[in-house]
Amino acid sequence: MIYPRHGKGQSILTGFRRQCPSCGKAKIFSGYLALKSHCPNCQAPIGDIRADDFPPYLTILIVGHVVVPLLVLSEAHYHPSTLFQMTFWPSLALILSLVLLPLLKGAVVGFMWSIGMKGDEQH
């Protein structure tokens, strides 16, 4: 069966919302990061897509570029206590990582769906 493929931007946004990049209606995650084998609405084989290491890489890249400049600016201007630094910044990094990871995995799955990539291609 042929499933519709939309433009890259639309598929990425649909995936970012953790919805099927084919129909855009059903949720594609069965857990925090686990993909359902098929879309409950259109039966698109979403579970065949392997995003692997790219979503964590993007998460680390984004969180690092948010947290580190904020940490440096706060240290330069406000000189917070060491206890504050050792509790606030790791907590912020952890929360941002946990929030962003499934969203970015959905976006990567949407992008891979839009270009017909499963992640098991040979070089």
PDB file of N, CA and C in Angstrom:
ATOM      1  N   MET A   1       0.837  -1.184   0.000  1.00  0.00           N
ATOM      2  CA  MET A   1       0.000   0.000   0.000  1.00  0.00           C
ATOM      3  C   MET A   1       0.884   1.250   0.000  1.00  0.00           C
ATOM      4  N   ILE A   2       0.467   2.269  -0.686  1.00  0.00           N
ATOM      5  CA  ILE A   2       1.211   3.519  -0.757  1.00  0.00           C
ATOM      6  C   ILE A   2       0.603   4.501   0.241  1.00  0.00           C
ATOM      7  N   TYR A   3       1.464   5.053   1.080  1.00  0.00           N
ATOM      8  CA  TYR A   3       1.042   6.012   2.089  1.00  0.00           C
ATOM      9  C   TYR A   3       1.482   7.402   1.653  1.00  0.00           C
ATOM     10  N   PRO A   4       0.666   8.410   1.920  1.00  0.00           N
ATOM     11  CA  PRO A   4       1.029   9.766   1.464  1.00  0.00           C
ATOM     12  C   PRO A   4       2.270  10.303   2.173  1.00  0.00           C
ATOM     13  N   ARG A   5       3.075  10.993   1.397  1.00  0.00           N
ATOM     14  CA  ARG A   5       4.249  11.676   1.939  1.00  0.00           C
ATOM     15  C   ARG A   5       4.076  13.158   1.642  1.00  0.00           C
ATOM     16  N   HIS A   6       4.211  13.952   2.664  1.00  0.00           N
ATOM     17  CA  HIS A   6       4.040  15.396   2.538  1.00  0.00           C
ATOM     18  C   HIS A   6       5.415  16.051   2.430  1.00  0.00           C
ATOM     19  N   GLY A   7       5.441  17.356   2.320  1.00  0.00           N
ATOM     20  CA  GLY A   7       6.696  18.090   2.267  1.00  0.00           C
ATOM     21  C   GLY A   7       7.485  17.917   3.556  1.00  0.00           C
ATOM     22  N   LYS A   8       8.763  18.194   3.473  1.00  0.00           N
ATOM     23  CA  LYS A   8       9.649  18.018   4.631  1.00  0.00           C
ATOM     24  C   LYS A   8       9.214  18.862   5.818  1.00  0.00           C
ATOM     25  N   GLY A   9       8.908  20.127   5.589  1.00  0.00           N
ATOM     26  CA  GLY A   9       8.514  21.019   6.680  1.00  0.00           C
ATOM     27  C   GLY A   9       7.268  20.536   7.398  1.00  0.00           C
ATOM     28  N   GLN A  10       6.251  20.169   6.638  1.00  0.00           N
ATOM     29  CA  GLN A  10       5.010  19.692   7.240  1.00  0.00           C
ATOM     30  C   GLN A  10       5.236  18.390   7.990  1.00  0.00           C
ATOM     31  N   SER A  11       6.024  17.494   7.430  1.00  0.00           N
ATOM     32  CA  SER A  11       6.298  16.210   8.092  1.00  0.00           C
ATOM     33  C   SER A  11       7.091  16.406   9.380  1.00  0.00           C
ATOM     34  N   ILE A  12       8.050  17.326   9.368  1.00  0.00           N
ATOM     35  CA  ILE A  12       8.839  17.602  10.569  1.00  0.00           C
ATOM     36  C   ILE A  12       7.944  18.186  11.662  1.00  0.00           C
ATOM     37  N   LEU A  13       7.085  19.141  11.311  1.00  0.00           N
ATOM     38  CA  LEU A  13       6.182  19.732  12.306  1.00  0.00           C
ATOM     39  C   LEU A  13       5.185  18.716  12.845  1.00  0.00           C
ATOM     40  N   THR A  14       4.668  17.873  11.963  1.00  0.00           N
ATOM     41  CA  THR A  14       3.735  16.830  12.404  1.00  0.00           C
ATOM     42  C   THR A  14       4.443  15.869  13.334  1.00  0.00           C
ATOM     43  N   GLY A  15       5.655  15.465  12.984  1.00  0.00           N
ATOM     44  CA  GLY A  15       6.430  14.587  13.856  1.00  0.00           C
ATOM     45  C   GLY A  15       6.784  15.250  15.167  1.00  0.00           C
ATOM     46  N   PHE A  16       7.094  16.538  15.135  1.00  0.00           N
ATOM     47  CA  PHE A  16       7.408  17.285  16.349  1.00  0.00           C
ATOM     48  C   PHE A  16       6.228  17.263  17.320  1.00  0.00           C
ATOM     49  N   ARG A  17       5.020  17.242  16.776  1.00  0.00           N
ATOM     50  CA  ARG A  17       3.817  17.128  17.611  1.00  0.00           C
ATOM     51  C   ARG A  17       3.559  15.678  18.026  1.00  0.00           C
ATOM     52  N   ARG A  18       4.468  14.779  17.638  1.00  0.00           N
ATOM     53  CA  ARG A  18       4.397  13.349  17.951  1.00  0.00           C
ATOM     54  C   ARG A  18       3.202  12.679  17.292  1.00  0.00           C
ATOM     55  N   GLN A  19       2.842  13.160  16.106  1.00  0.00           N
ATOM     56  CA  GLN A  19       1.742  12.592  15.346  1.00  0.00           C
ATOM     57  C   GLN A  19       2.269  11.963  14.067  1.00  0.00           C
ATOM     58  N   CYS A  20       1.448  11.127  13.478  1.00  0.00           N
ATOM     59  CA  CYS A  20       1.828  10.399  12.263  1.00  0.00           C
ATOM     60  C   CYS A  20       2.158  11.369  11.134  1.00  0.00           C
ATOM     61  N   PRO A  21       3.337  11.234  10.527  1.00  0.00           N
ATOM     62  CA  PRO A  21       3.690  12.132   9.426  1.00  0.00           C
ATOM     63  C   PRO A  21       2.921  11.832   8.141  1.00  0.00           C
ATOM     64  N   SER A  22       2.247  10.690   8.079  1.00  0.00           N
ATOM     65  CA  SER A  22       1.474  10.340   6.897  1.00  0.00           C
ATOM     66  C   SER A  22       0.085  10.969   6.936  1.00  0.00           C
ATOM     67  N   CYS A  23      -0.663  10.713   8.015  1.00  0.00           N
ATOM     68  CA  CYS A  23      -2.031  11.235   8.097  1.00  0.00           C
ATOM     69  C   CYS A  23      -2.130  12.458   8.997  1.00  0.00           C
ATOM     70  N   GLY A  24      -1.191  12.620   9.932  1.00  0.00           N
ATOM     71  CA  GLY A  24      -1.194  13.764  10.827  1.00  0.00           C
ATOM     72  C   GLY A  24      -2.242  13.725  11.918  1.00  0.00           C
ATOM     73  N   LYS A  25      -2.852  12.566  12.134  1.00  0.00           N
ATOM     74  CA  LYS A  25      -3.960  12.495  13.083  1.00  0.00           C
ATOM     75  C   LYS A  25      -3.653  11.712  14.346  1.00  0.00           C
ATOM     76  N   ALA A  26      -2.980  10.592  14.234  1.00  0.00           N
ATOM     77  CA  ALA A  26      -2.791   9.699  15.380  1.00  0.00           C
ATOM     78  C   ALA A  26      -1.415   9.878  16.005  1.00  0.00           C
ATOM     79  N   LYS A  27      -1.326   9.566  17.270  1.00  0.00           N
ATOM     80  CA  LYS A  27      -0.047   9.596  17.980  1.00  0.00           C
ATOM     81  C   LYS A  27       0.798   8.405  17.528  1.00  0.00           C
ATOM     82  N   ILE A  28       2.109   8.638  17.348  1.00  0.00           N
ATOM     83  CA  ILE A  28       2.980   7.567  16.847  1.00  0.00           C
ATOM     84  C   ILE A  28       3.841   6.941  17.932  1.00  0.00           C
ATOM     85  N   PHE A  29       3.770   7.454  19.155  1.00  0.00           N
ATOM     86  CA  PHE A  29       4.584   6.910  20.239  1.00  0.00           C
ATOM     87  C   PHE A  29       3.724   6.051  21.157  1.00  0.00           C
ATOM     88  N   SER A  30       4.250   4.875  21.496  1.00  0.00           N
ATOM     89  CA  SER A  30       3.548   4.009  22.442  1.00  0.00           C
ATOM     90  C   SER A  30       4.047   4.235  23.865  1.00  0.00           C
ATOM     91  N   GLY A  31       5.156   4.920  23.998  1.00  0.00           N
ATOM     92  CA  GLY A  31       5.730   5.249  25.294  1.00  0.00           C
ATOM     93  C   GLY A  31       6.494   6.552  25.173  1.00  0.00           C
ATOM     94  N   TYR A  32       7.470   6.708  26.045  1.00  0.00           N
ATOM     95  CA  TYR A  32       8.255   7.947  26.040  1.00  0.00           C
ATOM     96  C   TYR A  32       9.008   8.120  24.721  1.00  0.00           C
ATOM     97  N   LEU A  33       9.707   7.078  24.270  1.00  0.00           N
ATOM     98  CA  LEU A  33      10.461   7.145  23.014  1.00  0.00           C
ATOM     99  C   LEU A  33      10.140   6.003  22.057  1.00  0.00           C
ATOM    100  N   ALA A  34       9.340   5.046  22.482  1.00  0.00           N
ATOM    101  CA  ALA A  34       9.044   3.878  21.650  1.00  0.00           C
ATOM    102  C   ALA A  34       7.981   4.221  20.610  1.00  0.00           C
ATOM    103  N   LEU A  35       8.284   3.914  19.354  1.00  0.00           N
ATOM    104  CA  LEU A  35       7.327   4.138  18.277  1.00  0.00           C
ATOM    105  C   LEU A  35       6.349   2.975  18.190  1.00  0.00           C
ATOM    106  N   LYS A  36       5.130   3.264  17.816  1.00  0.00           N
ATOM    107  CA  LYS A  36       4.158   2.208  17.536  1.00  0.00           C
ATOM    108  C   LYS A  36       4.571   1.546  16.234  1.00  0.00           C
ATOM    109  N   SER A  37       4.225   0.289  16.066  1.00  0.00           N
ATOM    110  CA  SER A  37       4.621  -0.410  14.845  1.00  0.00           C
ATOM    111  C   SER A  37       3.917   0.169  13.619  1.00  0.00           C
ATOM    112  N   HIS A  38       2.657   0.556  13.777  1.00  0.00           N
ATOM    113  CA  HIS A  38       1.889   1.148  12.684  1.00  0.00           C
ATOM    114  C   HIS A  38       1.043   2.288  13.235  1.00  0.00           C
ATOM    115  N   CYS A  39       0.729   3.224  12.393  1.00  0.00           N
ATOM    116  CA  CYS A  39      -0.164   4.319  12.784  1.00  0.00           C
ATOM    117  C   CYS A  39      -1.546   3.741  13.062  1.00  0.00           C
ATOM    118  N   PRO A  40      -2.152   4.046  14.208  1.00  0.00           N
ATOM    119  CA  PRO A  40      -3.483   3.525  14.504  1.00  0.00           C
ATOM    120  C   PRO A  40      -4.569   4.030  13.549  1.00  0.00           C
ATOM    121  N   ASN A  41      -4.316   5.141  12.877  1.00  0.00           N
ATOM    122  CA  ASN A  41      -5.323   5.727  11.991  1.00  0.00           C
ATOM    123  C   ASN A  41      -5.182   5.243  10.546  1.00  0.00           C
ATOM    124  N   CYS A  42      -3.984   5.371   9.970  1.00  0.00           N
ATOM    125  CA  CYS A  42      -3.803   5.059   8.542  1.00  0.00           C
ATOM    126  C   CYS A  42      -2.985   3.793   8.288  1.00  0.00           C
ATOM    127  N   GLN A  43      -2.488   3.172   9.348  1.00  0.00           N
ATOM    128  CA  GLN A  43      -1.704   1.934   9.266  1.00  0.00           C
ATOM    129  C   GLN A  43      -0.341   2.113   8.593  1.00  0.00           C
ATOM    130  N   ALA A  44       0.162   3.326   8.507  1.00  0.00           N
ATOM    131  CA  ALA A  44       1.502   3.559   7.945  1.00  0.00           C
ATOM    132  C   ALA A  44       2.537   2.878   8.843  1.00  0.00           C
ATOM    133  N   PRO A  45       3.530   2.222   8.258  1.00  0.00           N
ATOM    134  CA  PRO A  45       4.531   1.477   9.043  1.00  0.00           C
ATOM    135  C   PRO A  45       5.566   2.389   9.702  1.00  0.00           C
ATOM    136  N   ILE A  46       5.155   3.119  10.710  1.00  0.00           N
ATOM    137  CA  ILE A  46       6.023   4.083  11.390  1.00  0.00           C
ATOM    138  C   ILE A  46       7.106   3.365  12.196  1.00  0.00           C
ATOM    139  N   GLY A  47       6.799   2.209  12.735  1.00  0.00           N
ATOM    140  CA  GLY A  47       7.747   1.476  13.570  1.00  0.00           C
ATOM    141  C   GLY A  47       8.976   0.992  12.820  1.00  0.00           C
ATOM    142  N   ASP A  48       8.932   1.008  11.494  1.00  0.00           N
ATOM    143  CA  ASP A  48      10.084   0.587  10.689  1.00  0.00           C
ATOM    144  C   ASP A  48      11.177   1.646  10.640  1.00  0.00           C
ATOM    145  N   ILE A  49      10.864   2.874  11.020  1.00  0.00           N
ATOM    146  CA  ILE A  49      11.821   3.977  10.942  1.00  0.00           C
ATOM    147  C   ILE A  49      12.729   3.952  12.168  1.00  0.00           C
ATOM    148  N   ARG A  50      14.041   3.991  11.924  1.00  0.00           N
ATOM    149  CA  ARG A  50      15.034   3.974  12.996  1.00  0.00           C
ATOM    150  C   ARG A  50      15.776   5.302  13.021  1.00  0.00           C
ATOM    151  N   ALA A  51      15.418   6.144  13.968  1.00  0.00           N
ATOM    152  CA  ALA A  51      16.067   7.449  14.073  1.00  0.00           C
ATOM    153  C   ALA A  51      17.424   7.344  14.772  1.00  0.00           C
ATOM    154  N   ASP A  52      17.630   6.305  15.560  1.00  0.00           N
ATOM    155  CA  ASP A  52      18.880   6.004  16.252  1.00  0.00           C
ATOM    156  C   ASP A  52      19.457   7.182  17.037  1.00  0.00           C
ATOM    157  N   ASP A  53      20.657   7.631  16.688  1.00  0.00           N
ATOM    158  CA  ASP A  53      21.402   8.590  17.503  1.00  0.00           C
ATOM    159  C   ASP A  53      21.158  10.056  17.167  1.00  0.00           C
ATOM    160  N   PHE A  54      20.459  10.349  16.101  1.00  0.00           N
ATOM    161  CA  PHE A  54      20.309  11.740  15.704  1.00  0.00           C
ATOM    162  C   PHE A  54      19.460  12.564  16.684  1.00  0.00           C
ATOM    163  N   PRO A  55      18.323  12.066  17.187  1.00  0.00           N
ATOM    164  CA  PRO A  55      17.567  12.864  18.168  1.00  0.00           C
ATOM    165  C   PRO A  55      18.363  13.185  19.433  1.00  0.00           C
ATOM    166  N   PRO A  56      19.102  12.237  20.045  1.00  0.00           N
ATOM    167  CA  PRO A  56      19.913  12.623  21.202  1.00  0.00           C
ATOM    168  C   PRO A  56      21.003  13.635  20.846  1.00  0.00           C
ATOM    169  N   TYR A  57      21.594  13.502  19.669  1.00  0.00           N
ATOM    170  CA  TYR A  57      22.607  14.462  19.241  1.00  0.00           C
ATOM    171  C   TYR A  57      22.003  15.867  19.154  1.00  0.00           C
ATOM    172  N   LEU A  58      20.839  15.983  18.518  1.00  0.00           N
ATOM    173  CA  LEU A  58      20.179  17.287  18.421  1.00  0.00           C
ATOM    174  C   LEU A  58      19.822  17.833  19.797  1.00  0.00           C
ATOM    175  N   THR A  59      19.370  16.948  20.688  1.00  0.00           N
ATOM    176  CA  THR A  59      19.007  17.372  22.039  1.00  0.00           C
ATOM    177  C   THR A  59      20.214  17.945  22.765  1.00  0.00           C
ATOM    178  N   ILE A  60      21.329  17.249  22.700  1.00  0.00           N
ATOM    179  CA  ILE A  60      22.553  17.716  23.349  1.00  0.00           C
ATOM    180  C   ILE A  60      22.998  19.046  22.743  1.00  0.00           C
ATOM    181  N   LEU A  61      22.919  19.152  21.442  1.00  0.00           N
ATOM    182  CA  LEU A  61      23.317  20.383  20.757  1.00  0.00           C
ATOM    183  C   LEU A  61      22.459  21.565  21.211  1.00  0.00           C
ATOM    184  N   ILE A  62      21.160  21.396  21.233  1.00  0.00           N
ATOM    185  CA  ILE A  62      20.260  22.486  21.609  1.00  0.00           C
ATOM    186  C   ILE A  62      20.398  22.832  23.085  1.00  0.00           C
ATOM    187  N   VAL A  63      20.361  21.818  23.953  1.00  0.00           N
ATOM    188  CA  VAL A  63      20.450  22.075  25.392  1.00  0.00           C
ATOM    189  C   VAL A  63      21.787  22.741  25.735  1.00  0.00           C
ATOM    190  N   GLY A  64      22.851  22.275  25.137  1.00  0.00           N
ATOM    191  CA  GLY A  64      24.159  22.878  25.381  1.00  0.00           C
ATOM    192  C   GLY A  64      24.221  24.330  24.950  1.00  0.00           C
ATOM    193  N   HIS A  65      23.590  24.630  23.818  1.00  0.00           N
ATOM    194  CA  HIS A  65      23.608  26.006  23.323  1.00  0.00           C
ATOM    195  C   HIS A  65      22.637  26.915  24.061  1.00  0.00           C
ATOM    196  N   VAL A  66      21.763  26.363  24.856  1.00  0.00           N
ATOM    197  CA  VAL A  66      20.871  27.175  25.695  1.00  0.00           C
ATOM    198  C   VAL A  66      21.466  27.344  27.091  1.00  0.00           C
ATOM    199  N   VAL A  67      21.866  26.233  27.694  1.00  0.00           N
ATOM    200  CA  VAL A  67      22.289  26.252  29.101  1.00  0.00           C
ATOM    201  C   VAL A  67      23.649  26.926  29.293  1.00  0.00           C
ATOM    202  N   VAL A  68      24.616  26.604  28.478  1.00  0.00           N
ATOM    203  CA  VAL A  68      25.966  27.139  28.690  1.00  0.00           C
ATOM    204  C   VAL A  68      26.016  28.667  28.589  1.00  0.00           C
ATOM    205  N   PRO A  69      25.429  29.291  27.558  1.00  0.00           N
ATOM    206  CA  PRO A  69      25.455  30.763  27.549  1.00  0.00           C
ATOM    207  C   PRO A  69      24.722  31.385  28.743  1.00  0.00           C
ATOM    208  N   LEU A  70      23.603  30.774  29.146  1.00  0.00           N
ATOM    209  CA  LEU A  70      22.896  31.292  30.318  1.00  0.00           C
ATOM    210  C   LEU A  70      23.746  31.164  31.573  1.00  0.00           C
ATOM    211  N   LEU A  71      24.435  30.057  31.709  1.00  0.00           N
ATOM    212  CA  LEU A  71      25.311  29.845  32.858  1.00  0.00           C
ATOM    213  C   LEU A  71      26.432  30.888  32.876  1.00  0.00           C
ATOM    214  N   VAL A  72      27.062  31.104  31.750  1.00  0.00           N
ATOM    215  CA  VAL A  72      28.164  32.063  31.665  1.00  0.00           C
ATOM    216  C   VAL A  72      27.672  33.482  31.948  1.00  0.00           C
ATOM    217  N   LEU A  73      26.526  33.847  31.377  1.00  0.00           N
ATOM    218  CA  LEU A  73      25.981  35.193  31.628  1.00  0.00           C
ATOM    219  C   LEU A  73      25.596  35.384  33.086  1.00  0.00           C
ATOM    220  N   SER A  74      24.982  34.385  33.683  1.00  0.00           N
ATOM    221  CA  SER A  74      24.592  34.532  35.094  1.00  0.00           C
ATOM    222  C   SER A  74      25.828  34.629  35.988  1.00  0.00           C
ATOM    223  N   GLU A  75      26.854  33.868  35.671  1.00  0.00           N
ATOM    224  CA  GLU A  75      28.090  33.934  36.460  1.00  0.00           C
ATOM    225  C   GLU A  75      28.760  35.296  36.297  1.00  0.00           C
ATOM    226  N   ALA A  76      28.770  35.804  35.076  1.00  0.00           N
ATOM    227  CA  ALA A  76      29.436  37.084  34.820  1.00  0.00           C
ATOM    228  C   ALA A  76      28.710  38.263  35.455  1.00  0.00           C
ATOM    229  N   HIS A  77      27.392  38.220  35.485  1.00  0.00           N
ATOM    230  CA  HIS A  77      26.631  39.379  35.961  1.00  0.00           C
ATOM    231  C   HIS A  77      26.156  39.274  37.406  1.00  0.00           C
ATOM    232  N   TYR A  78      25.836  38.069  37.872  1.00  0.00           N
ATOM    233  CA  TYR A  78      25.194  37.938  39.183  1.00  0.00           C
ATOM    234  C   TYR A  78      26.025  37.186  40.219  1.00  0.00           C
ATOM    235  N   HIS A  79      27.016  36.438  39.815  1.00  0.00           N
ATOM    236  CA  HIS A  79      27.875  35.661  40.719  1.00  0.00           C
ATOM    237  C   HIS A  79      27.061  34.825  41.725  1.00  0.00           C
ATOM    238  N   PRO A  80      26.187  33.931  41.235  1.00  0.00           N
ATOM    239  CA  PRO A  80      25.393  33.123  42.170  1.00  0.00           C
ATOM    240  C   PRO A  80      26.273  32.161  42.957  1.00  0.00           C
ATOM    241  N   SER A  81      25.728  31.661  44.039  1.00  0.00           N
ATOM    242  CA  SER A  81      26.492  30.749  44.893  1.00  0.00           C
ATOM    243  C   SER A  81      26.796  29.438  44.169  1.00  0.00           C
ATOM    244  N   THR A  82      27.800  28.771  44.657  1.00  0.00           N
ATOM    245  CA  THR A  82      28.173  27.479  44.069  1.00  0.00           C
ATOM    246  C   THR A  82      27.053  26.464  44.231  1.00  0.00           C
ATOM    247  N   LEU A  83      26.382  26.486  45.362  1.00  0.00           N
ATOM    248  CA  LEU A  83      25.268  25.561  45.586  1.00  0.00           C
ATOM    249  C   LEU A  83      24.168  25.787  44.545  1.00  0.00           C
ATOM    250  N   PHE A  84      23.850  27.043  44.279  1.00  0.00           N
ATOM    251  CA  PHE A  84      22.860  27.353  43.249  1.00  0.00           C
ATOM    252  C   PHE A  84      23.326  26.822  41.895  1.00  0.00           C
ATOM    253  N   GLN A  85      24.572  27.106  41.552  1.00  0.00           N
ATOM    254  CA  GLN A  85      25.117  26.666  40.256  1.00  0.00           C
ATOM    255  C   GLN A  85      25.060  25.144  40.117  1.00  0.00           C
ATOM    256  N   MET A  86      25.371  24.453  41.190  1.00  0.00           N
ATOM    257  CA  MET A  86      25.451  22.987  41.125  1.00  0.00           C
ATOM    258  C   MET A  86      24.078  22.323  41.158  1.00  0.00           C
ATOM    259  N   THR A  87      23.049  23.046  41.534  1.00  0.00           N
ATOM    260  CA  THR A  87      21.711  22.451  41.531  1.00  0.00           C
ATOM    261  C   THR A  87      20.857  22.947  40.362  1.00  0.00           C
ATOM    262  N   PHE A  88      20.907  24.238  40.086  1.00  0.00           N
ATOM    263  CA  PHE A  88      20.023  24.800  39.064  1.00  0.00           C
ATOM    264  C   PHE A  88      20.390  24.358  37.648  1.00  0.00           C
ATOM    265  N   TRP A  89      21.649  24.518  37.245  1.00  0.00           N
ATOM    266  CA  TRP A  89      22.022  24.264  35.853  1.00  0.00           C
ATOM    267  C   TRP A  89      21.910  22.795  35.453  1.00  0.00           C
ATOM    268  N   PRO A  90      22.354  21.846  36.268  1.00  0.00           N
ATOM    269  CA  PRO A  90      22.112  20.445  35.887  1.00  0.00           C
ATOM    270  C   PRO A  90      20.624  20.099  35.839  1.00  0.00           C
ATOM    271  N   SER A  91      19.853  20.673  36.760  1.00  0.00           N
ATOM    272  CA  SER A  91      18.408  20.420  36.752  1.00  0.00           C
ATOM    273  C   SER A  91      17.762  20.981  35.485  1.00  0.00           C
ATOM    274  N   LEU A  92      18.153  22.192  35.120  1.00  0.00           N
ATOM    275  CA  LEU A  92      17.625  22.792  33.892  1.00  0.00           C
ATOM    276  C   LEU A  92      18.003  21.957  32.672  1.00  0.00           C
ATOM    277  N   ALA A  93      19.256  21.527  32.606  1.00  0.00           N
ATOM    278  CA  ALA A  93      19.708  20.715  31.482  1.00  0.00           C
ATOM    279  C   ALA A  93      18.936  19.390  31.413  1.00  0.00           C
ATOM    280  N   LEU A  94      18.717  18.769  32.553  1.00  0.00           N
ATOM    281  CA  LEU A  94      17.977  17.511  32.592  1.00  0.00           C
ATOM    282  C   LEU A  94      16.533  17.700  32.143  1.00  0.00           C
ATOM    283  N   ILE A  95      15.867  18.719  32.652  1.00  0.00           N
ATOM    284  CA  ILE A  95      14.469  18.967  32.284  1.00  0.00           C
ATOM    285  C   ILE A  95      14.345  19.285  30.798  1.00  0.00           C
ATOM    286  N   LEU A  96      15.209  20.159  30.299  1.00  0.00           N
ATOM    287  CA  LEU A  96      15.183  20.480  28.869  1.00  0.00           C
ATOM    288  C   LEU A  96      15.430  19.246  28.012  1.00  0.00           C
ATOM    289  N   SER A  97      16.368  18.404  28.424  1.00  0.00           N
ATOM    290  CA  SER A  97      16.671  17.187  27.673  1.00  0.00           C
ATOM    291  C   SER A  97      15.480  16.237  27.646  1.00  0.00           C
ATOM    292  N   LEU A  98      14.842  16.050  28.790  1.00  0.00           N
ATOM    293  CA  LEU A  98      13.707  15.131  28.865  1.00  0.00           C
ATOM    294  C   LEU A  98      12.508  15.644  28.072  1.00  0.00           C
ATOM    295  N   VAL A  99      12.345  16.951  28.005  1.00  0.00           N
ATOM    296  CA  VAL A  99      11.237  17.521  27.239  1.00  0.00           C
ATOM    297  C   VAL A  99      11.531  17.478  25.740  1.00  0.00           C
ATOM    298  N   LEU A 100      12.741  17.841  25.360  1.00  0.00           N
ATOM    299  CA  LEU A 100      13.079  17.949  23.936  1.00  0.00           C
ATOM    300  C   LEU A 100      13.276  16.613  23.232  1.00  0.00           C
ATOM    301  N   LEU A 101      13.795  15.613  23.926  1.00  0.00           N
ATOM    302  CA  LEU A 101      14.152  14.353  23.255  1.00  0.00           C
ATOM    303  C   LEU A 101      12.990  13.710  22.502  1.00  0.00           C
ATOM    304  N   PRO A 102      11.816  13.498  23.098  1.00  0.00           N
ATOM    305  CA  PRO A 102      10.740  12.887  22.313  1.00  0.00           C
ATOM    306  C   PRO A 102      10.216  13.793  21.193  1.00  0.00           C
ATOM    307  N   LEU A 103      10.240  15.102  21.421  1.00  0.00           N
ATOM    308  CA  LEU A 103       9.793  16.017  20.373  1.00  0.00           C
ATOM    309  C   LEU A 103      10.729  15.960  19.173  1.00  0.00           C
ATOM    310  N   LEU A 104      12.031  15.960  19.454  1.00  0.00           N
ATOM    311  CA  LEU A 104      13.010  15.908  18.366  1.00  0.00           C
ATOM    312  C   LEU A 104      13.024  14.547  17.682  1.00  0.00           C
ATOM    313  N   LYS A 105      12.770  13.481  18.442  1.00  0.00           N
ATOM    314  CA  LYS A 105      12.685  12.161  17.802  1.00  0.00           C
ATOM    315  C   LYS A 105      11.498  12.138  16.846  1.00  0.00           C
ATOM    316  N   GLY A 106      10.373  12.699  17.265  1.00  0.00           N
ATOM    317  CA  GLY A 106       9.220  12.782  16.375  1.00  0.00           C
ATOM    318  C   GLY A 106       9.527  13.584  15.124  1.00  0.00           C
ATOM    319  N   ALA A 107      10.241  14.695  15.281  1.00  0.00           N
ATOM    320  CA  ALA A 107      10.609  15.525  14.131  1.00  0.00           C
ATOM    321  C   ALA A 107      11.532  14.774  13.178  1.00  0.00           C
ATOM    322  N   VAL A 108      12.491  14.038  13.728  1.00  0.00           N
ATOM    323  CA  VAL A 108      13.409  13.262  12.891  1.00  0.00           C
ATOM    324  C   VAL A 108      12.648  12.150  12.169  1.00  0.00           C
ATOM    325  N   VAL A 109      11.742  11.484  12.863  1.00  0.00           N
ATOM    326  CA  VAL A 109      10.928  10.436  12.232  1.00  0.00           C
ATOM    327  C   VAL A 109      10.089  11.051  11.112  1.00  0.00           C
ATOM    328  N   GLY A 110       9.505  12.225  11.351  1.00  0.00           N
ATOM    329  CA  GLY A 110       8.739  12.909  10.310  1.00  0.00           C
ATOM    330  C   GLY A 110       9.590  13.246   9.102  1.00  0.00           C
ATOM    331  N   PHE A 111      10.799  13.741   9.334  1.00  0.00           N
ATOM    332  CA  PHE A 111      11.704  14.054   8.226  1.00  0.00           C
ATOM    333  C   PHE A 111      12.075  12.788   7.450  1.00  0.00           C
ATOM    334  N   MET A 112      12.404  11.736   8.194  1.00  0.00           N
ATOM    335  CA  MET A 112      12.779  10.489   7.527  1.00  0.00           C
ATOM    336  C   MET A 112      11.607   9.934   6.717  1.00  0.00           C
ATOM    337  N   TRP A 113      10.402  10.071   7.244  1.00  0.00           N
ATOM    338  CA  TRP A 113       9.213   9.613   6.517  1.00  0.00           C
ATOM    339  C   TRP A 113       9.056  10.415   5.218  1.00  0.00           C
ATOM    340  N   SER A 114       9.286  11.715   5.274  1.00  0.00           N
ATOM    341  CA  SER A 114       9.071  12.575   4.108  1.00  0.00           C
ATOM    342  C   SER A 114      10.024  12.257   2.968  1.00  0.00           C
ATOM    343  N   ILE A 115      11.208  11.735   3.289  1.00  0.00           N
ATOM    344  CA  ILE A 115      12.160  11.414   2.218  1.00  0.00           C
ATOM    345  C   ILE A 115      12.225   9.910   1.943  1.00  0.00           C
ATOM    346  N   GLY A 116      11.347   9.140   2.588  1.00  0.00           N
ATOM    347  CA  GLY A 116      11.286   7.700   2.332  1.00  0.00           C
ATOM    348  C   GLY A 116      12.441   6.918   2.915  1.00  0.00           C
ATOM    349  N   MET A 117      13.014   7.403   3.968  1.00  0.00           N
ATOM    350  CA  MET A 117      14.177   6.766   4.600  1.00  0.00           C
ATOM    351  C   MET A 117      13.746   5.988   5.835  1.00  0.00           C
ATOM    352  N   LYS A 118      14.285   4.785   5.991  1.00  0.00           N
ATOM    353  CA  LYS A 118      13.955   3.972   7.166  1.00  0.00           C
ATOM    354  C   LYS A 118      15.079   3.934   8.196  1.00  0.00           C
ATOM    355  N   GLY A 119      16.286   4.249   7.801  1.00  0.00           N
ATOM    356  CA  GLY A 119      17.406   4.228   8.711  1.00  0.00           C
ATOM    357  C   GLY A 119      18.196   2.946   8.673  1.00  0.00           C
ATOM    358  N   ASP A 120      17.814   2.028   7.794  1.00  0.00           N
ATOM    359  CA  ASP A 120      18.554   0.768   7.675  1.00  0.00           C
ATOM    360  C   ASP A 120      19.219   0.635   6.299  1.00  0.00           C
ATOM    361  N   GLU A 121      19.360   1.761   5.618  1.00  0.00           N
ATOM    362  CA  GLU A 121      19.955   1.749   4.285  1.00  0.00           C
ATOM    363  C   GLU A 121      21.444   1.429   4.368  1.00  0.00           C
ATOM    364  N   GLN A 122      21.931   0.759   3.356  1.00  0.00           N
ATOM    365  CA  GLN A 122      23.351   0.427   3.271  1.00  0.00           C
ATOM    366  C   GLN A 122      24.061   1.519   2.486  1.00  0.00           C
ATOM    367  N   HIS A 123      25.330   1.730   2.827  1.00  0.00           N
ATOM    368  CA  HIS A 123      26.130   2.763   2.149  1.00  0.00           C
ATOM    369  C   HIS A 123      26.554   2.303   0.786  1.00  0.00           C
TER     370      HIS A 123
END
